Amino acid sequence: MSCSGTGCRRFPASSTETGHAPGTPVRGEPGAPARGAPALGAPAVPGAPVLSALSVPTHTDGCRTRAVAFPAMGKHSAHVVWDWNGTLLDDIHTVIEATNASFAEIGLGPITLERYRELYCVPVPRFYERLMGRMPTDEEWAAMDAVFHKHYWRLAEACLLTAGAAELLAERQTAGRTQSLLSLAPHEHLIPIVRRHGIEERFVRVDGRVGASHAGKAEHMVRHLAAMAHVPPERIVVVGDAADDAVAAAHVGAKAVLYTGGSHSRASLRATGVPVVDSLAEAVEVAEELVG
């Protein structure tokens, strides 16, 4: 969901844990060189080897990547590619609060959660077009995006994981099932917040965005999966809260399950033609059915 890019307003490329200077807080496709980050300290599953260093993509415009060794997949289990905002992170109410605070600054009226879910779409400037009756100019968009993220990051520290998410991730890991995390949240913001919630070791790979963001997740998904060559496409299921997650899944020949707890209305999710669920536990059940 909810931080720009796929069902979530995706976050700005600002200060980094690797020493980068703050960037312009906009959402969209990556445009900055990939750089390494510290190695993970825990195996993906009990007994799995730990990579001693970060896997750094060879492309120059992709997500910074944090990878751990990939265990053998169960013959009949799904590899779940999780979305972050609005899916694993329960931040939709924070998004609405930040949106309304930013709207007050730019002269737009407040929006309800229901209306937001009806209108929200990717690319995010189209969301503003639906609100304003016209597409914002590049200058207007940059200002809108910056003021939103100013308020979002002020509030984001209080966000919790979606109910049951931590337990669900742990159960899948213990059962030897694999999962990864792909978000359009900036990598330098994503890694610290995933660590704070204590779930970093649950994933065989975590990818965040590098660079500006205003488009969708499809090309990020290509790079994410290319780095996990041992995952058969037919076993991949993307779980997210936005129509764009389904688009990204289709782009790589994967399946998708969409969760209603984030940025989109049930109707807009159903319009994608993929299964729609009301809990993450149900999402995982459906994912296993899709590949079984």
C-alpha atoms as a PDB file:
ATOM      1  CA  MET A   1       0.000   0.000   0.000  1.00  0.00           C
ATOM      2  CA  SER A   2       0.327   3.293   1.105  1.00  0.00           C
ATOM      3  CA  CYS A   3       3.420   5.170   0.520  1.00  0.00           C
ATOM      4  CA  SER A   4       3.449   5.821  -3.180  1.00  0.00           C
ATOM      5  CA  GLY A   5       4.110   3.455  -5.954  1.00  0.00           C
ATOM      6  CA  THR A   6       1.862   0.483  -5.474  1.00  0.00           C
ATOM      7  CA  GLY A   7      -0.960   0.837  -2.999  1.00  0.00           C
ATOM      8  CA  CYS A   8       0.990   2.935  -0.743  1.00  0.00           C
ATOM      9  CA  ARG A   9       2.514   6.277  -1.021  1.00  0.00           C
ATOM     10  CA  ARG A  10       6.089   5.274  -1.563  1.00  0.00           C
ATOM     11  CA  PHE A  11       8.683   7.038   0.426  1.00  0.00           C
ATOM     12  CA  PRO A  12      11.348   9.563  -0.484  1.00  0.00           C
ATOM     13  CA  ALA A  13      14.983   8.809  -1.050  1.00  0.00           C
ATOM     14  CA  SER A  14      16.310  10.837   1.814  1.00  0.00           C
ATOM     15  CA  SER A  15      19.019  10.259   4.405  1.00  0.00           C
ATOM     16  CA  THR A  16      20.637   6.848   4.219  1.00  0.00           C
ATOM     17  CA  GLU A  17      22.222   4.447   6.623  1.00  0.00           C
ATOM     18  CA  THR A  18      25.139   4.216   4.190  1.00  0.00           C
ATOM     19  CA  GLY A  19      25.985   7.889   4.346  1.00  0.00           C
ATOM     20  CA  HIS A  20      24.113   9.283   1.368  1.00  0.00           C
ATOM     21  CA  ALA A  21      22.924  12.854   1.559  1.00  0.00           C
ATOM     22  CA  PRO A  22      19.184  13.462   1.684  1.00  0.00           C
ATOM     23  CA  GLY A  23      17.390  13.395  -1.657  1.00  0.00           C
ATOM     24  CA  THR A  24      14.211  14.898  -3.029  1.00  0.00           C
ATOM     25  CA  PRO A  25      11.185  13.245  -1.366  1.00  0.00           C
ATOM     26  CA  VAL A  26       9.291  11.960  -4.402  1.00  0.00           C
ATOM     27  CA  ARG A  27       7.919   8.579  -5.373  1.00  0.00           C
ATOM     28  CA  GLY A  28       8.774   6.542  -8.481  1.00  0.00           C
ATOM     29  CA  GLU A  29      11.176   4.434 -10.510  1.00  0.00           C
ATOM     30  CA  PRO A  30      14.715   4.002  -9.221  1.00  0.00           C
ATOM     31  CA  GLY A  31      17.348   6.245 -10.677  1.00  0.00           C
ATOM     32  CA  ALA A  32      20.330   6.108  -8.359  1.00  0.00           C
ATOM     33  CA  PRO A  33      23.262   3.672  -8.391  1.00  0.00           C
ATOM     34  CA  ALA A  34      22.914   0.617  -6.211  1.00  0.00           C
ATOM     35  CA  ARG A  35      25.260   0.451  -3.255  1.00  0.00           C
ATOM     36  CA  GLY A  36      25.957  -2.177  -0.663  1.00  0.00           C
ATOM     37  CA  ALA A  37      24.907  -2.225   2.957  1.00  0.00           C
ATOM     38  CA  PRO A  38      26.021  -4.206   6.007  1.00  0.00           C
ATOM     39  CA  ALA A  39      25.563  -7.951   5.963  1.00  0.00           C
ATOM     40  CA  LEU A  40      22.701  -9.641   7.675  1.00  0.00           C
ATOM     41  CA  GLY A  41      23.499 -11.515  10.833  1.00  0.00           C
ATOM     42  CA  ALA A  42      20.933 -14.284  10.781  1.00  0.00           C
ATOM     43  CA  PRO A  43      20.100 -17.179   8.442  1.00  0.00           C
ATOM     44  CA  ALA A  44      16.897 -17.197   6.416  1.00  0.00           C
ATOM     45  CA  VAL A  45      15.755 -20.413   8.085  1.00  0.00           C
ATOM     46  CA  PRO A  46      17.207 -22.397  10.970  1.00  0.00           C
ATOM     47  CA  GLY A  47      20.380 -24.103   9.765  1.00  0.00           C
ATOM     48  CA  ALA A  48      20.653 -22.131   6.552  1.00  0.00           C
ATOM     49  CA  PRO A  49      24.017 -20.520   5.813  1.00  0.00           C
ATOM     50  CA  VAL A  50      24.414 -16.805   6.232  1.00  0.00           C
ATOM     51  CA  LEU A  51      25.795 -14.662   3.440  1.00  0.00           C
ATOM     52  CA  SER A  52      28.723 -12.744   4.822  1.00  0.00           C
ATOM     53  CA  ALA A  53      28.144  -9.704   2.661  1.00  0.00           C
ATOM     54  CA  LEU A  54      25.381  -7.875   0.918  1.00  0.00           C
ATOM     55  CA  SER A  55      24.447  -8.923  -2.581  1.00  0.00           C
ATOM     56  CA  VAL A  56      24.867  -5.868  -4.773  1.00  0.00           C
ATOM     57  CA  PRO A  57      22.989  -5.744  -8.089  1.00  0.00           C
ATOM     58  CA  THR A  58      25.033  -5.177 -11.227  1.00  0.00           C
ATOM     59  CA  HIS A  59      22.499  -2.742 -12.692  1.00  0.00           C
ATOM     60  CA  THR A  60      23.007   0.907 -11.861  1.00  0.00           C
ATOM     61  CA  ASP A  61      19.439   1.952 -11.298  1.00  0.00           C
ATOM     62  CA  GLY A  62      17.938  -0.828  -9.235  1.00  0.00           C
ATOM     63  CA  CYS A  63      16.942  -1.348  -5.650  1.00  0.00           C
ATOM     64  CA  ARG A  64      19.646  -1.612  -3.072  1.00  0.00           C
ATOM     65  CA  THR A  65      19.493  -5.181  -1.991  1.00  0.00           C
ATOM     66  CA  ARG A  66      19.925  -7.025   1.241  1.00  0.00           C
ATOM     67  CA  ALA A  67      20.129 -10.775   0.709  1.00  0.00           C
ATOM     68  CA  VAL A  68      20.557 -13.933   2.752  1.00  0.00           C
ATOM     69  CA  ALA A  69      21.218 -17.466   1.554  1.00  0.00           C
ATOM     70  CA  PHE A  70      18.276 -19.086  -0.182  1.00  0.00           C
ATOM     71  CA  PRO A  71      17.232 -22.499   1.192  1.00  0.00           C
ATOM     72  CA  ALA A  72      15.754 -25.284  -0.885  1.00  0.00           C
ATOM     73  CA  MET A  73      12.056 -24.733  -1.486  1.00  0.00           C
ATOM     74  CA  GLY A  74       9.436 -27.254  -0.627  1.00  0.00           C
ATOM     75  CA  LYS A  75       8.194 -28.986  -3.746  1.00  0.00           C
ATOM     76  CA  HIS A  76       4.650 -27.782  -3.285  1.00  0.00           C
ATOM     77  CA  SER A  77       5.043 -24.553  -1.337  1.00  0.00           C
ATOM     78  CA  ALA A  78       4.668 -20.976  -2.471  1.00  0.00           C
ATOM     79  CA  HIS A  79       7.436 -18.435  -2.330  1.00  0.00           C
ATOM     80  CA  VAL A  80       5.629 -15.326  -1.092  1.00  0.00           C
ATOM     81  CA  VAL A  81       6.850 -11.894  -2.150  1.00  0.00           C
ATOM     82  CA  TRP A  82       5.415  -9.573   0.481  1.00  0.00           C
ATOM     83  CA  ASP A  83       4.568  -5.912   0.055  1.00  0.00           C
ATOM     84  CA  TRP A  84       5.394  -3.669   3.015  1.00  0.00           C
ATOM     85  CA  ASN A  85       3.207  -0.565   3.439  1.00  0.00           C
ATOM     86  CA  GLY A  86      -0.435  -1.407   3.981  1.00  0.00           C
ATOM     87  CA  THR A  87       0.340  -5.120   3.924  1.00  0.00           C
ATOM     88  CA  LEU A  88       2.879  -6.150   6.556  1.00  0.00           C
ATOM     89  CA  LEU A  89       2.975  -2.630   8.000  1.00  0.00           C
ATOM     90  CA  ASP A  90      -0.407  -1.381   9.204  1.00  0.00           C
ATOM     91  CA  ASP A  91      -0.001   2.269   8.267  1.00  0.00           C
ATOM     92  CA  ILE A  92      -3.154   3.224   6.361  1.00  0.00           C
ATOM     93  CA  HIS A  93      -4.487   5.466   9.139  1.00  0.00           C
ATOM     94  CA  THR A  94      -1.116   7.176   9.349  1.00  0.00           C
ATOM     95  CA  VAL A  95      -1.252   7.692   5.592  1.00  0.00           C
ATOM     96  CA  ILE A  96      -4.673   9.330   5.883  1.00  0.00           C
ATOM     97  CA  GLU A  97      -3.497  11.580   8.714  1.00  0.00           C
ATOM     98  CA  ALA A  98      -0.410  12.616   6.756  1.00  0.00           C
ATOM     99  CA  THR A  99      -2.456  13.085   3.589  1.00  0.00           C
ATOM    100  CA  ASN A 100      -4.909  15.413   5.290  1.00  0.00           C
ATOM    101  CA  ALA A 101      -2.116  17.372   6.955  1.00  0.00           C
ATOM    102  CA  SER A 102      -0.476  17.816   3.571  1.00  0.00           C
ATOM    103  CA  PHE A 103      -3.779  18.675   1.890  1.00  0.00           C
ATOM    104  CA  ALA A 104      -4.304  21.458   4.420  1.00  0.00           C
ATOM    105  CA  GLU A 105      -0.967  22.952   3.394  1.00  0.00           C
ATOM    106  CA  ILE A 106      -1.625  22.823  -0.346  1.00  0.00           C
ATOM    107  CA  GLY A 107      -5.232  23.990  -0.232  1.00  0.00           C
ATOM    108  CA  LEU A 108      -7.134  20.739  -0.726  1.00  0.00           C
ATOM    109  CA  GLY A 109      -9.968  19.614   1.524  1.00  0.00           C
ATOM    110  CA  PRO A 110      -9.661  16.600   3.842  1.00  0.00           C
ATOM    111  CA  ILE A 111     -10.309  13.092   2.585  1.00  0.00           C
ATOM    112  CA  THR A 112     -11.842  10.107   4.383  1.00  0.00           C
ATOM    113  CA  LEU A 113     -10.356   6.634   4.386  1.00  0.00           C
ATOM    114  CA  GLU A 114     -13.220   5.361   2.254  1.00  0.00           C
ATOM    115  CA  ARG A 115     -12.773   8.109  -0.334  1.00  0.00           C
ATOM    116  CA  TYR A 116      -9.019   7.630  -0.363  1.00  0.00           C
ATOM    117  CA  ARG A 117      -9.446   3.938  -1.101  1.00  0.00           C
ATOM    118  CA  GLU A 118     -11.871   4.731  -3.900  1.00  0.00           C
ATOM    119  CA  LEU A 119      -9.512   7.197  -5.582  1.00  0.00           C
ATOM    120  CA  TYR A 120      -6.016   5.968  -4.846  1.00  0.00           C
ATOM    121  CA  CYS A 121      -4.085   4.648  -7.832  1.00  0.00           C
ATOM    122  CA  VAL A 122      -0.654   4.328  -9.338  1.00  0.00           C
ATOM    123  CA  PRO A 123       1.096   6.307 -10.743  1.00  0.00           C
ATOM    124  CA  VAL A 124       0.327   8.491  -7.750  1.00  0.00           C
ATOM    125  CA  PRO A 125      -0.025  11.773  -9.716  1.00  0.00           C
ATOM    126  CA  ARG A 126      -3.194  10.258 -11.180  1.00  0.00           C
ATOM    127  CA  PHE A 127      -4.611  10.109  -7.667  1.00  0.00           C
ATOM    128  CA  TYR A 128      -4.163  13.867  -7.449  1.00  0.00           C
ATOM    129  CA  GLU A 129      -5.685  14.235 -10.906  1.00  0.00           C
ATOM    130  CA  ARG A 130      -8.807  12.500  -9.627  1.00  0.00           C
ATOM    131  CA  LEU A 131      -8.910  14.889  -6.678  1.00  0.00           C
ATOM    132  CA  MET A 132      -8.121  18.097  -8.557  1.00  0.00           C
ATOM    133  CA  GLY A 133      -9.707  17.429 -11.925  1.00  0.00           C
ATOM    134  CA  ARG A 134      -6.353  17.850 -13.669  1.00  0.00           C
ATOM    135  CA  MET A 135      -2.884  16.362 -13.594  1.00  0.00           C
ATOM    136  CA  PRO A 136      -0.504  18.312 -11.339  1.00  0.00           C
ATOM    137  CA  THR A 137       2.487  19.921 -12.977  1.00  0.00           C
ATOM    138  CA  ASP A 138       5.910  18.517 -12.215  1.00  0.00           C
ATOM    139  CA  GLU A 139       6.534  21.397  -9.814  1.00  0.00           C
ATOM    140  CA  GLU A 140       3.187  20.895  -8.073  1.00  0.00           C
ATOM    141  CA  TRP A 141       3.789  17.172  -7.802  1.00  0.00           C
ATOM    142  CA  ALA A 142       7.216  17.621  -6.247  1.00  0.00           C
ATOM    143  CA  ALA A 143       5.744  20.000  -3.662  1.00  0.00           C
ATOM    144  CA  MET A 144       2.785  17.694  -2.927  1.00  0.00           C
ATOM    145  CA  ASP A 145       5.027  14.705  -2.499  1.00  0.00           C
ATOM    146  CA  ALA A 146       7.493  16.533  -0.274  1.00  0.00           C
ATOM    147  CA  VAL A 147       4.866  17.876   2.092  1.00  0.00           C
ATOM    148  CA  PHE A 148       3.160  14.481   2.367  1.00  0.00           C
ATOM    149  CA  HIS A 149       6.385  12.772   3.317  1.00  0.00           C
ATOM    150  CA  LYS A 150       7.238  15.475   5.805  1.00  0.00           C
ATOM    151  CA  HIS A 151       4.087  14.573   7.702  1.00  0.00           C
ATOM    152  CA  TYR A 152       4.268  10.826   7.070  1.00  0.00           C
ATOM    153  CA  TRP A 153       7.732  10.403   8.529  1.00  0.00           C
ATOM    154  CA  ARG A 154       6.770  12.448  11.556  1.00  0.00           C
ATOM    155  CA  LEU A 155       4.045   9.896  12.256  1.00  0.00           C
ATOM    156  CA  ALA A 156       5.452   6.642  10.888  1.00  0.00           C
ATOM    157  CA  GLU A 157       7.434   5.585  13.950  1.00  0.00           C
ATOM    158  CA  ALA A 158       4.177   4.758  15.720  1.00  0.00           C
ATOM    159  CA  CYS A 159       3.010   2.312  13.039  1.00  0.00           C
ATOM    160  CA  LEU A 160       2.731  -1.345  14.037  1.00  0.00           C
ATOM    161  CA  LEU A 161       2.848  -4.527  12.029  1.00  0.00           C
ATOM    162  CA  THR A 162      -0.481  -5.819  10.785  1.00  0.00           C
ATOM    163  CA  ALA A 163      -2.102  -8.050  13.408  1.00  0.00           C
ATOM    164  CA  GLY A 164      -0.628 -11.540  13.267  1.00  0.00           C
ATOM    165  CA  ALA A 165       2.032 -10.659  10.692  1.00  0.00           C
ATOM    166  CA  ALA A 166       5.057 -11.398  12.872  1.00  0.00           C
ATOM    167  CA  GLU A 167       3.689 -14.771  13.936  1.00  0.00           C
ATOM    168  CA  LEU A 168       2.725 -15.677  10.377  1.00  0.00           C
ATOM    169  CA  LEU A 169       6.181 -14.853   9.035  1.00  0.00           C
ATOM    170  CA  ALA A 170       7.812 -16.884  11.808  1.00  0.00           C
ATOM    171  CA  GLU A 171       5.546 -19.874  11.209  1.00  0.00           C
ATOM    172  CA  ARG A 172       6.359 -19.913   7.503  1.00  0.00           C
ATOM    173  CA  GLN A 173      10.072 -19.674   8.188  1.00  0.00           C
ATOM    174  CA  THR A 174       9.963 -22.465  10.764  1.00  0.00           C
ATOM    175  CA  ALA A 175       8.083 -24.663   8.292  1.00  0.00           C
ATOM    176  CA  GLY A 176      10.877 -24.164   5.746  1.00  0.00           C
ATOM    177  CA  ARG A 177       8.789 -22.011   3.429  1.00  0.00           C
ATOM    178  CA  THR A 178      10.447 -19.052   1.799  1.00  0.00           C
ATOM    179  CA  GLN A 179       9.446 -15.431   1.538  1.00  0.00           C
ATOM    180  CA  SER A 180      10.964 -12.154   0.478  1.00  0.00           C
ATOM    181  CA  LEU A 181      10.074  -8.498   0.826  1.00  0.00           C
ATOM    182  CA  LEU A 182       9.851  -6.018  -2.037  1.00  0.00           C
ATOM    183  CA  SER A 183       8.834  -2.454  -1.330  1.00  0.00           C
ATOM    184  CA  LEU A 184       8.900   0.875  -3.099  1.00  0.00           C
ATOM    185  CA  ALA A 185       9.761   2.414   0.245  1.00  0.00           C
ATOM    186  CA  PRO A 186      13.346   3.680   0.038  1.00  0.00           C
ATOM    187  CA  HIS A 187      15.824   1.022   1.027  1.00  0.00           C
ATOM    188  CA  GLU A 188      17.516   3.314   3.530  1.00  0.00           C
ATOM    189  CA  HIS A 189      14.196   3.714   5.370  1.00  0.00           C
ATOM    190  CA  LEU A 190      12.965   0.167   4.831  1.00  0.00           C
ATOM    191  CA  ILE A 191      15.853  -1.755   6.392  1.00  0.00           C
ATOM    192  CA  PRO A 192      15.850   0.109   9.738  1.00  0.00           C
ATOM    193  CA  ILE A 193      12.089  -0.158  10.174  1.00  0.00           C
ATOM    194  CA  VAL A 194      12.060  -3.870   9.290  1.00  0.00           C
ATOM    195  CA  ARG A 195      14.818  -4.377  11.854  1.00  0.00           C
ATOM    196  CA  ARG A 196      12.941  -2.436  14.503  1.00  0.00           C
ATOM    197  CA  HIS A 197      10.016  -4.787  14.096  1.00  0.00           C
ATOM    198  CA  GLY A 198      12.307  -7.799  14.523  1.00  0.00           C
ATOM    199  CA  ILE A 199      11.404  -9.566  11.285  1.00  0.00           C
ATOM    200  CA  GLU A 200      14.458  -9.029   9.072  1.00  0.00           C
ATOM    201  CA  GLU A 201      15.638 -12.627   9.395  1.00  0.00           C
ATOM    202  CA  ARG A 202      12.278 -13.969   8.214  1.00  0.00           C
ATOM    203  CA  PHE A 203      13.074 -13.076   4.596  1.00  0.00           C
ATOM    204  CA  VAL A 204      15.520 -14.579   2.138  1.00  0.00           C
ATOM    205  CA  ARG A 205      15.764 -11.181   0.509  1.00  0.00           C
ATOM    206  CA  VAL A 206      14.687  -7.620   1.253  1.00  0.00           C
ATOM    207  CA  ASP A 207      14.651  -5.011  -1.506  1.00  0.00           C
ATOM    208  CA  GLY A 208      13.720  -1.370  -1.195  1.00  0.00           C
ATOM    209  CA  ARG A 209      13.705   1.416  -3.727  1.00  0.00           C
ATOM    210  CA  VAL A 210      16.639   3.605  -4.637  1.00  0.00           C
ATOM    211  CA  GLY A 211      15.909   6.918  -6.315  1.00  0.00           C
ATOM    212  CA  ALA A 212      12.728   8.829  -7.007  1.00  0.00           C
ATOM    213  CA  SER A 213       9.323   7.155  -7.036  1.00  0.00           C
ATOM    214  CA  HIS A 214       6.176   7.914  -8.948  1.00  0.00           C
ATOM    215  CA  ALA A 215       5.609   4.747 -10.974  1.00  0.00           C
ATOM    216  CA  GLY A 216       4.831   1.151 -10.151  1.00  0.00           C
ATOM    217  CA  LYS A 217       6.515  -2.016  -8.973  1.00  0.00           C
ATOM    218  CA  ALA A 218       6.767  -4.122 -12.147  1.00  0.00           C
ATOM    219  CA  GLU A 219      10.384  -3.451 -13.090  1.00  0.00           C
ATOM    220  CA  HIS A 220      11.437  -3.642  -9.450  1.00  0.00           C
ATOM    221  CA  MET A 221       9.841  -7.095  -9.353  1.00  0.00           C
ATOM    222  CA  VAL A 222      11.881  -8.193 -12.365  1.00  0.00           C
ATOM    223  CA  ARG A 223      15.106  -7.267 -10.586  1.00  0.00           C
ATOM    224  CA  HIS A 224      13.971  -8.716  -7.268  1.00  0.00           C
ATOM    225  CA  LEU A 225      13.260 -12.122  -8.784  1.00  0.00           C
ATOM    226  CA  ALA A 226      16.326 -12.101 -11.026  1.00  0.00           C
ATOM    227  CA  ALA A 227      18.401 -12.040  -7.854  1.00  0.00           C
ATOM    228  CA  MET A 228      16.634 -15.221  -6.654  1.00  0.00           C
ATOM    229  CA  ALA A 229      17.308 -17.517  -9.589  1.00  0.00           C
ATOM    230  CA  HIS A 230      16.370 -20.648  -7.635  1.00  0.00           C
ATOM    231  CA  VAL A 231      12.740 -19.585  -7.267  1.00  0.00           C
ATOM    232  CA  PRO A 232      10.578 -21.075 -10.041  1.00  0.00           C
ATOM    233  CA  PRO A 233       8.181 -18.413 -11.368  1.00  0.00           C
ATOM    234  CA  GLU A 234       5.254 -20.803 -11.078  1.00  0.00           C
ATOM    235  CA  ARG A 235       5.779 -20.963  -7.297  1.00  0.00           C
ATOM    236  CA  ILE A 236       5.854 -17.198  -6.744  1.00  0.00           C
ATOM    237  CA  VAL A 237       2.852 -15.438  -5.217  1.00  0.00           C
ATOM    238  CA  VAL A 238       2.871 -11.694  -4.588  1.00  0.00           C
ATOM    239  CA  VAL A 239       0.867 -10.579  -1.549  1.00  0.00           C
ATOM    240  CA  GLY A 240       0.036  -6.885  -1.415  1.00  0.00           C
ATOM    241  CA  ASP A 241      -2.693  -4.334  -0.860  1.00  0.00           C
ATOM    242  CA  ALA A 242      -2.742  -2.599  -4.242  1.00  0.00           C
ATOM    243  CA  ALA A 243      -3.790  -3.265  -7.797  1.00  0.00           C
ATOM    244  CA  ASP A 244      -0.214  -2.484  -8.795  1.00  0.00           C
ATOM    245  CA  ASP A 245       0.965  -5.554  -6.873  1.00  0.00           C
ATOM    246  CA  ALA A 246      -1.164  -7.682  -9.197  1.00  0.00           C
ATOM    247  CA  VAL A 247       0.232  -5.818 -12.201  1.00  0.00           C
ATOM    248  CA  ALA A 248       3.786  -6.474 -11.014  1.00  0.00           C
ATOM    249  CA  ALA A 249       3.026 -10.158 -10.473  1.00  0.00           C
ATOM    250  CA  ALA A 250       1.547 -10.544 -13.944  1.00  0.00           C
ATOM    251  CA  HIS A 251       4.565  -8.761 -15.410  1.00  0.00           C
ATOM    252  CA  VAL A 252       6.847 -11.581 -14.233  1.00  0.00           C
ATOM    253  CA  GLY A 253       4.424 -14.464 -14.722  1.00  0.00           C
ATOM    254  CA  ALA A 254       3.680 -14.839 -11.013  1.00  0.00           C
ATOM    255  CA  LYS A 255       0.392 -15.083  -9.148  1.00  0.00           C
ATOM    256  CA  ALA A 256      -1.031 -12.538  -6.718  1.00  0.00           C
ATOM    257  CA  VAL A 257      -3.317 -12.264  -3.711  1.00  0.00           C
ATOM    258  CA  LEU A 258      -4.561  -8.844  -2.620  1.00  0.00           C
ATOM    259  CA  TYR A 259      -5.312  -7.793   0.954  1.00  0.00           C
ATOM    260  CA  THR A 260      -8.101  -5.358   1.830  1.00  0.00           C
ATOM    261  CA  GLY A 261      -6.405  -3.705   4.821  1.00  0.00           C
ATOM    262  CA  GLY A 262      -4.431  -1.114   2.904  1.00  0.00           C
ATOM    263  CA  SER A 263      -4.830   1.589   0.294  1.00  0.00           C
ATOM    264  CA  HIS A 264      -7.483   0.233  -2.070  1.00  0.00           C
ATOM    265  CA  SER A 265     -11.189  -0.444  -1.885  1.00  0.00           C
ATOM    266  CA  ARG A 266     -12.386  -4.016  -2.213  1.00  0.00           C
ATOM    267  CA  ALA A 267     -13.999  -3.131  -5.535  1.00  0.00           C
ATOM    268  CA  SER A 268     -10.763  -1.824  -7.020  1.00  0.00           C
ATOM    269  CA  LEU A 269      -8.902  -4.908  -5.840  1.00  0.00           C
ATOM    270  CA  ARG A 270     -11.524  -7.262  -7.260  1.00  0.00           C
ATOM    271  CA  ALA A 271     -11.298  -5.475 -10.599  1.00  0.00           C
ATOM    272  CA  THR A 272      -7.817  -6.944 -11.020  1.00  0.00           C
ATOM    273  CA  GLY A 273      -9.250 -10.453 -11.268  1.00  0.00           C
ATOM    274  CA  VAL A 274      -6.971 -11.961  -8.616  1.00  0.00           C
ATOM    275  CA  PRO A 275      -8.076 -13.372  -5.234  1.00  0.00           C
ATOM    276  CA  VAL A 276      -8.959 -10.760  -2.604  1.00  0.00           C
ATOM    277  CA  VAL A 277      -8.723 -11.550   1.123  1.00  0.00           C
ATOM    278  CA  ASP A 278      -9.349  -9.840   4.450  1.00  0.00           C
ATOM    279  CA  SER A 279      -6.382 -11.175   6.435  1.00  0.00           C
ATOM    280  CA  LEU A 280      -2.751 -12.053   5.870  1.00  0.00           C
ATOM    281  CA  ALA A 281      -3.357 -15.571   7.168  1.00  0.00           C
ATOM    282  CA  GLU A 282      -5.991 -16.035   4.493  1.00  0.00           C
ATOM    283  CA  ALA A 283      -3.605 -14.565   1.920  1.00  0.00           C
ATOM    284  CA  VAL A 284      -1.031 -17.239   2.722  1.00  0.00           C
ATOM    285  CA  GLU A 285      -3.632 -20.000   2.587  1.00  0.00           C
ATOM    286  CA  VAL A 286      -4.781 -18.839  -0.827  1.00  0.00           C
ATOM    287  CA  ALA A 287      -1.177 -18.485  -2.005  1.00  0.00           C
ATOM    288  CA  GLU A 288      -0.507 -22.125  -1.178  1.00  0.00           C
ATOM    289  CA  GLU A 289      -3.689 -23.162  -2.974  1.00  0.00           C
ATOM    290  CA  LEU A 290      -2.654 -21.213  -6.068  1.00  0.00           C
ATOM    291  CA  VAL A 291       0.615 -23.116  -6.424  1.00  0.00           C
ATOM    292  CA  GLY A 292      -0.664 -26.471  -5.190  1.00  0.00           C
END
